């Protein structure tokens, strides 16, 4: 798993290609991966900083997923999430806190 900046940069590159459906698929995959990692470490007091960073990434991913779904629904109606679409997306918001330089594991 990468740090916040890496995740946001990757999603920004996909967004720049104007492929909403591709961005949505990557976002869903990242959320699933993050879910499993958070579940594994969230109760470990030694991982408090990692959990906080991963939670910020998780929040960014959920906002991006909501944006993708809204754009797909606006363009193709409610069934659009299952259809391929290409729509420009606004740029990702910068992460609220800067990375400390350490990547998430």
PDB file of N, CA and C in Angstrom:
ATOM      1  N   UNK A   1       0.837  -1.167   0.000  1.00  0.00           N
ATOM      2  CA  UNK A   1       0.000   0.000   0.000  1.00  0.00           C
ATOM      3  C   UNK A   1       0.886   1.235   0.000  1.00  0.00           C
ATOM      4  N   UNK A   2       0.462   2.243  -0.674  1.00  0.00           N
ATOM      5  CA  UNK A   2       1.232   3.478  -0.761  1.00  0.00           C
ATOM      6  C   UNK A   2       0.680   4.518   0.201  1.00  0.00           C
ATOM      7  N   UNK A   3       1.432   5.586   0.357  1.00  0.00           N
ATOM      8  CA  UNK A   3       1.004   6.697   1.188  1.00  0.00           C
ATOM      9  C   UNK A   3      -0.072   7.520   0.509  1.00  0.00           C
ATOM     10  N   UNK A   4      -0.598   8.485   1.245  1.00  0.00           N
ATOM     11  CA  UNK A   4      -1.676   9.334   0.739  1.00  0.00           C
ATOM     12  C   UNK A   4      -1.316  10.006  -0.580  1.00  0.00           C
ATOM     13  N   UNK A   5      -0.141  10.579  -0.643  1.00  0.00           N
ATOM     14  CA  UNK A   5       0.271  11.278  -1.872  1.00  0.00           C
ATOM     15  C   UNK A   5       0.318  10.331  -3.057  1.00  0.00           C
ATOM     16  N   UNK A   6       0.810   9.128  -2.844  1.00  0.00           N
ATOM     17  CA  UNK A   6       0.905   8.160  -3.934  1.00  0.00           C
ATOM     18  C   UNK A   6      -0.476   7.757  -4.436  1.00  0.00           C
ATOM     19  N   UNK A   7      -1.396   7.513  -3.518  1.00  0.00           N
ATOM     20  CA  UNK A   7      -2.753   7.131  -3.903  1.00  0.00           C
ATOM     21  C   UNK A   7      -3.409   8.264  -4.677  1.00  0.00           C
ATOM     22  N   UNK A   8      -3.328   9.485  -4.157  1.00  0.00           N
ATOM     23  CA  UNK A   8      -3.941  10.632  -4.828  1.00  0.00           C
ATOM     24  C   UNK A   8      -3.310  10.894  -6.193  1.00  0.00           C
ATOM     25  N   UNK A   9      -2.007  10.760  -6.292  1.00  0.00           N
ATOM     26  CA  UNK A   9      -1.322  10.968  -7.575  1.00  0.00           C
ATOM     27  C   UNK A   9      -1.759   9.924  -8.593  1.00  0.00           C
ATOM     28  N   UNK A  10      -1.874   8.680  -8.157  1.00  0.00           N
ATOM     29  CA  UNK A  10      -2.308   7.621  -9.064  1.00  0.00           C
ATOM     30  C   UNK A  10      -3.728   7.889  -9.560  1.00  0.00           C
ATOM     31  N   UNK A  11      -4.636   8.222  -8.653  1.00  0.00           N
ATOM     32  CA  UNK A  11      -6.011   8.509  -9.053  1.00  0.00           C
ATOM     33  C   UNK A  11      -6.079   9.729  -9.959  1.00  0.00           C
ATOM     34  N   UNK A  12      -5.219  10.693  -9.724  1.00  0.00           N
ATOM     35  CA  UNK A  12      -5.176  11.887 -10.569  1.00  0.00           C
ATOM     36  C   UNK A  12      -4.741  11.531 -11.997  1.00  0.00           C
ATOM     37  N   UNK A  13      -3.782  10.617 -12.123  1.00  0.00           N
ATOM     38  CA  UNK A  13      -3.355  10.177 -13.463  1.00  0.00           C
ATOM     39  C   UNK A  13      -4.494   9.478 -14.194  1.00  0.00           C
ATOM     40  N   UNK A  14      -5.243   8.636 -13.508  1.00  0.00           N
ATOM     41  CA  UNK A  14      -6.382   7.963 -14.131  1.00  0.00           C
ATOM     42  C   UNK A  14      -7.449   8.988 -14.496  1.00  0.00           C
ATOM     43  N   UNK A  15      -7.717   9.944 -13.587  1.00  0.00           N
ATOM     44  CA  UNK A  15      -8.713  10.979 -13.847  1.00  0.00           C
ATOM     45  C   UNK A  15      -8.344  11.799 -15.080  1.00  0.00           C
ATOM     46  N   UNK A  16      -7.063  12.059 -15.240  1.00  0.00           N
ATOM     47  CA  UNK A  16      -6.593  12.867 -16.366  1.00  0.00           C
ATOM     48  C   UNK A  16      -6.890  12.204 -17.704  1.00  0.00           C
ATOM     49  N   UNK A  17      -7.052  10.899 -17.688  1.00  0.00           N
ATOM     50  CA  UNK A  17      -7.382  10.178 -18.915  1.00  0.00           C
ATOM     51  C   UNK A  17      -8.876  10.228 -19.222  1.00  0.00           C
ATOM     52  N   UNK A  18      -9.658  10.855 -18.345  1.00  0.00           N
ATOM     53  CA  UNK A  18     -11.095  11.039 -18.550  1.00  0.00           C
ATOM     54  C   UNK A  18     -11.848   9.717 -18.642  1.00  0.00           C
ATOM     55  N   UNK A  19     -11.466   8.740 -17.861  1.00  0.00           N
ATOM     56  CA  UNK A  19     -12.142   7.448 -17.883  1.00  0.00           C
ATOM     57  C   UNK A  19     -12.810   7.218 -16.533  1.00  0.00           C
ATOM     58  N   UNK A  20     -14.045   7.675 -16.426  1.00  0.00           N
ATOM     59  CA  UNK A  20     -14.759   7.600 -15.160  1.00  0.00           C
ATOM     60  C   UNK A  20     -14.928   6.161 -14.698  1.00  0.00           C
ATOM     61  N   UNK A  21     -15.308   5.284 -15.595  1.00  0.00           N
ATOM     62  CA  UNK A  21     -15.541   3.887 -15.209  1.00  0.00           C
ATOM     63  C   UNK A  21     -14.242   3.234 -14.743  1.00  0.00           C
ATOM     64  N   UNK A  22     -13.133   3.499 -15.423  1.00  0.00           N
ATOM     65  CA  UNK A  22     -11.840   2.950 -15.009  1.00  0.00           C
ATOM     66  C   UNK A  22     -11.462   3.483 -13.634  1.00  0.00           C
ATOM     67  N   UNK A  23     -11.626   4.780 -13.433  1.00  0.00           N
ATOM     68  CA  UNK A  23     -11.320   5.384 -12.138  1.00  0.00           C
ATOM     69  C   UNK A  23     -12.188   4.763 -11.051  1.00  0.00           C
ATOM     70  N   UNK A  24     -13.454   4.541 -11.353  1.00  0.00           N
ATOM     71  CA  UNK A  24     -14.356   3.930 -10.371  1.00  0.00           C
ATOM     72  C   UNK A  24     -13.877   2.524 -10.009  1.00  0.00           C
ATOM     73  N   UNK A  25     -13.493   1.743 -11.004  1.00  0.00           N
ATOM     74  CA  UNK A  25     -13.024   0.378 -10.741  1.00  0.00           C
ATOM     75  C   UNK A  25     -11.762   0.373  -9.877  1.00  0.00           C
ATOM     76  N   UNK A  26     -10.816   1.242 -10.181  1.00  0.00           N
ATOM     77  CA  UNK A  26      -9.599   1.344  -9.365  1.00  0.00           C
ATOM     78  C   UNK A  26      -9.942   1.787  -7.943  1.00  0.00           C
ATOM     79  N   UNK A  27     -10.872   2.719  -7.823  1.00  0.00           N
ATOM     80  CA  UNK A  27     -11.262   3.222  -6.511  1.00  0.00           C
ATOM     81  C   UNK A  27     -11.902   2.127  -5.670  1.00  0.00           C
ATOM     82  N   UNK A  28     -12.796   1.360  -6.265  1.00  0.00           N
ATOM     83  CA  UNK A  28     -13.440   0.256  -5.544  1.00  0.00           C
ATOM     84  C   UNK A  28     -12.397  -0.764  -5.094  1.00  0.00           C
ATOM     85  N   UNK A  29     -11.461  -1.093  -5.968  1.00  0.00           N
ATOM     86  CA  UNK A  29     -10.409  -2.051  -5.604  1.00  0.00           C
ATOM     87  C   UNK A  29      -9.553  -1.521  -4.454  1.00  0.00           C
ATOM     88  N   UNK A  30      -9.216  -0.242  -4.500  1.00  0.00           N
ATOM     89  CA  UNK A  30      -8.405   0.356  -3.432  1.00  0.00           C
ATOM     90  C   UNK A  30      -9.166   0.377  -2.110  1.00  0.00           C
ATOM     91  N   UNK A  31     -10.463   0.654  -2.156  1.00  0.00           N
ATOM     92  CA  UNK A  31     -11.278   0.651  -0.936  1.00  0.00           C
ATOM     93  C   UNK A  31     -11.322  -0.742  -0.327  1.00  0.00           C
ATOM     94  N   UNK A  32     -11.495  -1.757  -1.161  1.00  0.00           N
ATOM     95  CA  UNK A  32     -11.528  -3.136  -0.654  1.00  0.00           C
ATOM     96  C   UNK A  32     -10.203  -3.515  -0.001  1.00  0.00           C
ATOM     97  N   UNK A  33      -9.110  -3.146  -0.636  1.00  0.00           N
ATOM     98  CA  UNK A  33      -7.795  -3.440  -0.070  1.00  0.00           C
ATOM     99  C   UNK A  33      -7.597  -2.694   1.250  1.00  0.00           C
ATOM    100  N   UNK A  34      -7.961  -1.442   1.261  1.00  0.00           N
ATOM    101  CA  UNK A  34      -7.814  -0.633   2.469  1.00  0.00           C
ATOM    102  C   UNK A  34      -8.698  -1.157   3.602  1.00  0.00           C
ATOM    103  N   UNK A  35      -9.908  -1.596   3.261  1.00  0.00           N
ATOM    104  CA  UNK A  35     -10.791  -2.183   4.272  1.00  0.00           C
ATOM    105  C   UNK A  35     -10.122  -3.342   4.994  1.00  0.00           C
ATOM    106  N   UNK A  36      -9.531  -4.238   4.228  1.00  0.00           N
ATOM    107  CA  UNK A  36      -8.906  -5.410   4.844  1.00  0.00           C
ATOM    108  C   UNK A  36      -7.691  -5.021   5.681  1.00  0.00           C
ATOM    109  N   UNK A  37      -6.907  -4.055   5.202  1.00  0.00           N
ATOM    110  CA  UNK A  37      -5.732  -3.606   5.961  1.00  0.00           C
ATOM    111  C   UNK A  37      -6.148  -2.881   7.243  1.00  0.00           C
ATOM    112  N   UNK A  38      -7.147  -2.022   7.152  1.00  0.00           N
ATOM    113  CA  UNK A  38      -7.615  -1.310   8.342  1.00  0.00           C
ATOM    114  C   UNK A  38      -8.165  -2.280   9.382  1.00  0.00           C
ATOM    115  N   UNK A  39      -8.915  -3.254   8.939  1.00  0.00           N
ATOM    116  CA  UNK A  39      -9.479  -4.242   9.854  1.00  0.00           C
ATOM    117  C   UNK A  39      -8.375  -4.984  10.592  1.00  0.00           C
ATOM    118  N   UNK A  40      -7.287  -5.259   9.896  1.00  0.00           N
ATOM    119  CA  UNK A  40      -6.187  -6.024  10.486  1.00  0.00           C
ATOM    120  C   UNK A  40      -5.399  -5.230  11.525  1.00  0.00           C
ATOM    121  N   UNK A  41      -5.324  -3.901  11.379  1.00  0.00           N
ATOM    122  CA  UNK A  41      -4.444  -3.137  12.277  1.00  0.00           C
ATOM    123  C   UNK A  41      -5.145  -2.129  13.170  1.00  0.00           C
ATOM    124  N   UNK A  42      -6.446  -1.910  12.987  1.00  0.00           N
ATOM    125  CA  UNK A  42      -7.103  -0.807  13.693  1.00  0.00           C
ATOM    126  C   UNK A  42      -7.112  -0.945  15.213  1.00  0.00           C
ATOM    127  N   UNK A  43      -6.988  -2.146  15.746  1.00  0.00           N
ATOM    128  CA  UNK A  43      -6.997  -2.310  17.202  1.00  0.00           C
ATOM    129  C   UNK A  43      -5.599  -2.319  17.812  1.00  0.00           C
ATOM    130  N   UNK A  44      -4.573  -2.232  16.982  1.00  0.00           N
ATOM    131  CA  UNK A  44      -3.191  -2.241  17.473  1.00  0.00           C
ATOM    132  C   UNK A  44      -2.773  -0.815  17.839  1.00  0.00           C
ATOM    133  N   UNK A  45      -2.530  -0.545  19.125  1.00  0.00           N
ATOM    134  CA  UNK A  45      -2.150   0.812  19.538  1.00  0.00           C
ATOM    135  C   UNK A  45      -0.861   1.306  18.877  1.00  0.00           C
ATOM    136  N   UNK A  46       0.016   0.406  18.503  1.00  0.00           N
ATOM    137  CA  UNK A  46       1.273   0.798  17.864  1.00  0.00           C
ATOM    138  C   UNK A  46       1.053   1.311  16.443  1.00  0.00           C
ATOM    139  N   UNK A  47      -0.103   1.061  15.879  1.00  0.00           N
ATOM    140  CA  UNK A  47      -0.385   1.449  14.491  1.00  0.00           C
ATOM    141  C   UNK A  47      -1.309   2.663  14.401  1.00  0.00           C
ATOM    142  N   UNK A  48      -1.412   3.414  15.460  1.00  0.00           N
ATOM    143  CA  UNK A  48      -2.344   4.546  15.510  1.00  0.00           C
ATOM    144  C   UNK A  48      -2.114   5.536  14.364  1.00  0.00           C
ATOM    145  N   UNK A  49      -0.858   5.880  14.094  1.00  0.00           N
ATOM    146  CA  UNK A  49      -0.551   6.841  13.026  1.00  0.00           C
ATOM    147  C   UNK A  49      -0.895   6.270  11.649  1.00  0.00           C
ATOM    148  N   UNK A  50      -0.588   4.997  11.431  1.00  0.00           N
ATOM    149  CA  UNK A  50      -0.927   4.365  10.150  1.00  0.00           C
ATOM    150  C   UNK A  50      -2.434   4.313   9.951  1.00  0.00           C
ATOM    151  N   UNK A  51      -3.162   3.987  11.010  1.00  0.00           N
ATOM    152  CA  UNK A  51      -4.618   3.930  10.918  1.00  0.00           C
ATOM    153  C   UNK A  51      -5.172   5.311  10.566  1.00  0.00           C
ATOM    154  N   UNK A  52      -4.651   6.358  11.176  1.00  0.00           N
ATOM    155  CA  UNK A  52      -5.111   7.718  10.879  1.00  0.00           C
ATOM    156  C   UNK A  52      -4.840   8.079   9.421  1.00  0.00           C
ATOM    157  N   UNK A  53      -3.656   7.762   8.931  1.00  0.00           N
ATOM    158  CA  UNK A  53      -3.309   8.055   7.541  1.00  0.00           C
ATOM    159  C   UNK A  53      -4.177   7.244   6.580  1.00  0.00           C
ATOM    160  N   UNK A  54      -4.351   5.973   6.886  1.00  0.00           N
ATOM    161  CA  UNK A  54      -5.170   5.114   6.027  1.00  0.00           C
ATOM    162  C   UNK A  54      -6.625   5.572   6.033  1.00  0.00           C
ATOM    163  N   UNK A  55      -7.094   6.064   7.156  1.00  0.00           N
ATOM    164  CA  UNK A  55      -8.466   6.560   7.243  1.00  0.00           C
ATOM    165  C   UNK A  55      -8.649   7.792   6.367  1.00  0.00           C
ATOM    166  N   UNK A  56      -7.653   8.672   6.325  1.00  0.00           N
ATOM    167  CA  UNK A  56      -7.728   9.844   5.436  1.00  0.00           C
ATOM    168  C   UNK A  56      -7.782   9.401   3.972  1.00  0.00           C
ATOM    169  N   UNK A  57      -6.970   8.418   3.600  1.00  0.00           N
ATOM    170  CA  UNK A  57      -6.995   7.894   2.231  1.00  0.00           C
ATOM    171  C   UNK A  57      -8.361   7.277   1.950  1.00  0.00           C
ATOM    172  N   UNK A  58      -8.878   6.533   2.898  1.00  0.00           N
ATOM    173  CA  UNK A  58     -10.189   5.895   2.781  1.00  0.00           C
ATOM    174  C   UNK A  58     -11.271   6.950   2.520  1.00  0.00           C
ATOM    175  N   UNK A  59     -11.222   8.058   3.247  1.00  0.00           N
ATOM    176  CA  UNK A  59     -12.190   9.140   3.056  1.00  0.00           C
ATOM    177  C   UNK A  59     -12.080   9.745   1.656  1.00  0.00           C
ATOM    178  N   UNK A  60     -10.863   9.959   1.185  1.00  0.00           N
ATOM    179  CA  UNK A  60     -10.648  10.480  -0.171  1.00  0.00           C
ATOM    180  C   UNK A  60     -11.218   9.507  -1.199  1.00  0.00           C
ATOM    181  N   UNK A  61     -10.972   8.226  -1.012  1.00  0.00           N
ATOM    182  CA  UNK A  61     -11.472   7.216  -1.949  1.00  0.00           C
ATOM    183  C   UNK A  61     -13.000   7.194  -1.976  1.00  0.00           C
ATOM    184  N   UNK A  62     -13.626   7.297  -0.826  1.00  0.00           N
ATOM    185  CA  UNK A  62     -15.090   7.299  -0.791  1.00  0.00           C
ATOM    186  C   UNK A  62     -15.670   8.551  -1.444  1.00  0.00           C
ATOM    187  N   UNK A  63     -15.016   9.699  -1.268  1.00  0.00           N
ATOM    188  CA  UNK A  63     -15.477  10.912  -1.968  1.00  0.00           C
ATOM    189  C   UNK A  63     -15.339  10.738  -3.475  1.00  0.00           C
ATOM    190  N   UNK A  64     -14.220  10.173  -3.910  1.00  0.00           N
ATOM    191  CA  UNK A  64     -13.988   9.952  -5.339  1.00  0.00           C
ATOM    192  C   UNK A  64     -15.020   8.972  -5.904  1.00  0.00           C
ATOM    193  N   UNK A  65     -15.336   7.924  -5.153  1.00  0.00           N
ATOM    194  CA  UNK A  65     -16.334   6.945  -5.591  1.00  0.00           C
ATOM    195  C   UNK A  65     -17.701   7.611  -5.740  1.00  0.00           C
ATOM    196  N   UNK A  66     -18.070   8.449  -4.794  1.00  0.00           N
ATOM    197  CA  UNK A  66     -19.347   9.161  -4.871  1.00  0.00           C
ATOM    198  C   UNK A  66     -19.382  10.086  -6.090  1.00  0.00           C
ATOM    199  N   UNK A  67     -18.267  10.763  -6.378  1.00  0.00           N
ATOM    200  CA  UNK A  67     -18.191  11.632  -7.560  1.00  0.00           C
ATOM    201  C   UNK A  67     -18.346  10.812  -8.839  1.00  0.00           C
ATOM    202  N   UNK A  68     -17.668   9.682  -8.903  1.00  0.00           N
ATOM    203  CA  UNK A  68     -17.766   8.821 -10.086  1.00  0.00           C
ATOM    204  C   UNK A  68     -19.199   8.355 -10.291  1.00  0.00           C
ATOM    205  N   UNK A  69     -19.828   7.882  -9.217  1.00  0.00           N
ATOM    206  CA  UNK A  69     -21.202   7.401  -9.315  1.00  0.00           C
ATOM    207  C   UNK A  69     -22.152   8.508  -9.751  1.00  0.00           C
ATOM    208  N   UNK A  70     -21.964   9.711  -9.219  1.00  0.00           N
ATOM    209  CA  UNK A  70     -22.821  10.836  -9.595  1.00  0.00           C
ATOM    210  C   UNK A  70     -22.639  11.191 -11.071  1.00  0.00           C
ATOM    211  N   UNK A  71     -21.398  11.218 -11.538  1.00  0.00           N
ATOM    212  CA  UNK A  71     -21.148  11.532 -12.950  1.00  0.00           C
ATOM    213  C   UNK A  71     -21.706  10.459 -13.870  1.00  0.00           C
ATOM    214  N   UNK A  72     -21.537   9.205 -13.490  1.00  0.00           N
ATOM    215  CA  UNK A  72     -22.072   8.117 -14.305  1.00  0.00           C
ATOM    216  C   UNK A  72     -23.598   8.149 -14.327  1.00  0.00           C
ATOM    217  N   UNK A  73     -24.218   8.409 -13.193  1.00  0.00           N
ATOM    218  CA  UNK A  73     -25.674   8.477 -13.123  1.00  0.00           C
ATOM    219  C   UNK A  73     -26.203   9.656 -13.939  1.00  0.00           C
ATOM    220  N   UNK A  74     -25.522  10.785 -13.878  1.00  0.00           N
ATOM    221  CA  UNK A  74     -25.950  11.966 -14.630  1.00  0.00           C
ATOM    222  C   UNK A  74     -25.834  11.733 -16.133  1.00  0.00           C
ATOM    223  N   UNK A  75     -24.826  11.008 -16.511  1.00  0.00           N
ATOM    224  CA  UNK A  75     -24.593  10.809 -17.937  1.00  0.00           C
ATOM    225  C   UNK A  75     -25.447   9.691 -18.526  1.00  0.00           C
ATOM    226  N   UNK A  76     -25.617   8.619 -17.772  1.00  0.00           N
ATOM    227  CA  UNK A  76     -26.275   7.436 -18.327  1.00  0.00           C
ATOM    228  C   UNK A  76     -27.480   6.956 -17.547  1.00  0.00           C
ATOM    229  N   UNK A  77     -27.892   7.652 -16.537  1.00  0.00           N
ATOM    230  CA  UNK A  77     -29.018   7.216 -15.726  1.00  0.00           C
ATOM    231  C   UNK A  77     -28.569   6.270 -14.623  1.00  0.00           C
ATOM    232  N   UNK A  78     -29.515   5.780 -13.837  1.00  0.00           N
ATOM    233  CA  UNK A  78     -29.194   4.964 -12.663  1.00  0.00           C
ATOM    234  C   UNK A  78     -28.441   3.670 -12.970  1.00  0.00           C
ATOM    235  N   UNK A  79     -28.566   3.120 -14.160  1.00  0.00           N
ATOM    236  CA  UNK A  79     -27.880   1.866 -14.479  1.00  0.00           C
ATOM    237  C   UNK A  79     -26.483   2.097 -15.006  1.00  0.00           C
ATOM    238  N   UNK A  80     -26.031   3.338 -15.005  1.00  0.00           N
ATOM    239  CA  UNK A  80     -24.743   3.668 -15.613  1.00  0.00           C
ATOM    240  C   UNK A  80     -23.550   3.061 -14.914  1.00  0.00           C
ATOM    241  N   UNK A  81     -23.678   2.714 -13.653  1.00  0.00           N
ATOM    242  CA  UNK A  81     -22.537   2.175 -12.924  1.00  0.00           C
ATOM    243  C   UNK A  81     -22.090   0.858 -13.544  1.00  0.00           C
ATOM    244  N   UNK A  82     -23.000   0.162 -14.204  1.00  0.00           N
ATOM    245  CA  UNK A  82     -22.624  -1.094 -14.847  1.00  0.00           C
ATOM    246  C   UNK A  82     -22.206  -0.891 -16.296  1.00  0.00           C
ATOM    247  N   UNK A  83     -22.335   0.334 -16.805  1.00  0.00           N
ATOM    248  CA  UNK A  83     -21.951   0.637 -18.182  1.00  0.00           C
ATOM    249  C   UNK A  83     -20.635   1.397 -18.219  1.00  0.00           C
ATOM    250  N   UNK A  84     -19.872   1.224 -19.285  1.00  0.00           N
ATOM    251  CA  UNK A  84     -18.624   1.986 -19.426  1.00  0.00           C
ATOM    252  C   UNK A  84     -18.963   3.427 -19.790  1.00  0.00           C
ATOM    253  N   UNK A  85     -18.174   4.372 -19.262  1.00  0.00           N
ATOM    254  CA  UNK A  85     -18.404   5.784 -19.551  1.00  0.00           C
ATOM    255  C   UNK A  85     -17.086   6.519 -19.531  1.00  0.00           C
ATOM    256  N   UNK A  86     -17.050   7.645 -20.252  1.00  0.00           N
ATOM    257  CA  UNK A  86     -15.867   8.500 -20.193  1.00  0.00           C
ATOM    258  C   UNK A  86     -16.342   9.915 -19.922  1.00  0.00           C
ATOM    259  N   UNK A  87     -15.982  10.430 -18.761  1.00  0.00           N
ATOM    260  CA  UNK A  87     -16.388  11.757 -18.330  1.00  0.00           C
ATOM    261  C   UNK A  87     -15.240  12.401 -17.581  1.00  0.00           C
ATOM    262  N   UNK A  88     -15.018  13.681 -17.822  1.00  0.00           N
ATOM    263  CA  UNK A  88     -13.956  14.381 -17.098  1.00  0.00           C
ATOM    264  C   UNK A  88     -14.361  14.561 -15.644  1.00  0.00           C
ATOM    265  N   UNK A  89     -13.406  14.397 -14.757  1.00  0.00           N
ATOM    266  CA  UNK A  89     -13.630  14.558 -13.324  1.00  0.00           C
ATOM    267  C   UNK A  89     -12.837  15.751 -12.814  1.00  0.00           C
ATOM    268  N   UNK A  90     -13.336  16.408 -11.775  1.00  0.00           N
ATOM    269  CA  UNK A  90     -12.550  17.485 -11.171  1.00  0.00           C
ATOM    270  C   UNK A  90     -11.323  16.916 -10.482  1.00  0.00           C
ATOM    271  N   UNK A  91     -10.322  17.751 -10.290  1.00  0.00           N
ATOM    272  CA  UNK A  91      -9.084  17.299  -9.643  1.00  0.00           C
ATOM    273  C   UNK A  91      -9.354  16.869  -8.213  1.00  0.00           C
ATOM    274  N   UNK A  92      -8.559  15.926  -7.742  1.00  0.00           N
ATOM    275  CA  UNK A  92      -8.661  15.465  -6.355  1.00  0.00           C
ATOM    276  C   UNK A  92      -8.291  16.586  -5.407  1.00  0.00           C
ATOM    277  N   UNK A  93      -8.966  16.632  -4.283  1.00  0.00           N
ATOM    278  CA  UNK A  93      -8.567  17.571  -3.234  1.00  0.00           C
ATOM    279  C   UNK A  93      -7.239  17.102  -2.675  1.00  0.00           C
ATOM    280  N   UNK A  94      -6.404  18.037  -2.284  1.00  0.00           N
ATOM    281  CA  UNK A  94      -5.132  17.670  -1.657  1.00  0.00           C
ATOM    282  C   UNK A  94      -5.430  17.013  -0.323  1.00  0.00           C
ATOM    283  N   UNK A  95      -4.628  16.042   0.080  1.00  0.00           N
ATOM    284  CA  UNK A  95      -4.839  15.417   1.389  1.00  0.00           C
ATOM    285  C   UNK A  95      -4.800  16.480   2.488  1.00  0.00           C
ATOM    286  N   UNK A  96      -5.607  16.273   3.530  1.00  0.00           N
ATOM    287  CA  UNK A  96      -5.711  17.263   4.593  1.00  0.00           C
ATOM    288  C   UNK A  96      -4.414  17.410   5.351  1.00  0.00           C
ATOM    289  N   UNK A  97      -3.736  16.317   5.634  1.00  0.00           N
ATOM    290  CA  UNK A  97      -2.459  16.357   6.333  1.00  0.00           C
ATOM    291  C   UNK A  97      -1.398  15.831   5.392  1.00  0.00           C
ATOM    292  N   UNK A  98      -0.215  16.387   5.454  1.00  0.00           N
ATOM    293  CA  UNK A  98       0.843  15.930   4.565  1.00  0.00           C
ATOM    294  C   UNK A  98       1.400  14.608   5.051  1.00  0.00           C
ATOM    295  N   UNK A  99       1.874  13.831   4.109  1.00  0.00           N
ATOM    296  CA  UNK A  99       2.524  12.559   4.421  1.00  0.00           C
ATOM    297  C   UNK A  99       3.784  12.820   5.231  1.00  0.00           C
ATOM    298  N   UNK A 100       4.109  11.917   6.102  1.00  0.00           N
ATOM    299  CA  UNK A 100       5.337  12.060   6.872  1.00  0.00           C
ATOM    300  C   UNK A 100       6.497  11.440   6.128  1.00  0.00           C
ATOM    301  N   UNK A 101       6.250  11.003   4.910  1.00  0.00           N
ATOM    302  CA  UNK A 101       7.308  10.377   4.130  1.00  0.00           C
ATOM    303  C   UNK A 101       7.303   8.872   4.275  1.00  0.00           C
ATOM    304  N   UNK A 102       6.558   8.367   5.216  1.00  0.00           N
ATOM    305  CA  UNK A 102       6.508   6.920   5.382  1.00  0.00           C
ATOM    306  C   UNK A 102       5.307   6.381   4.630  1.00  0.00           C
ATOM    307  N   UNK A 103       5.521   5.342   3.891  1.00  0.00           N
ATOM    308  CA  UNK A 103       4.441   4.713   3.154  1.00  0.00           C
ATOM    309  C   UNK A 103       3.658   3.808   4.075  1.00  0.00           C
ATOM    310  N   UNK A 104       2.410   3.612   3.717  1.00  0.00           N
ATOM    311  CA  UNK A 104       1.589   2.677   4.468  1.00  0.00           C
ATOM    312  C   UNK A 104       1.983   1.268   4.091  1.00  0.00           C
ATOM    313  N   UNK A 105       1.840   0.374   5.008  1.00  0.00           N
ATOM    314  CA  UNK A 105       2.216  -1.014   4.761  1.00  0.00           C
ATOM    315  C   UNK A 105       0.986  -1.845   4.635  1.00  0.00           C
TER     316      UNK A 105
END
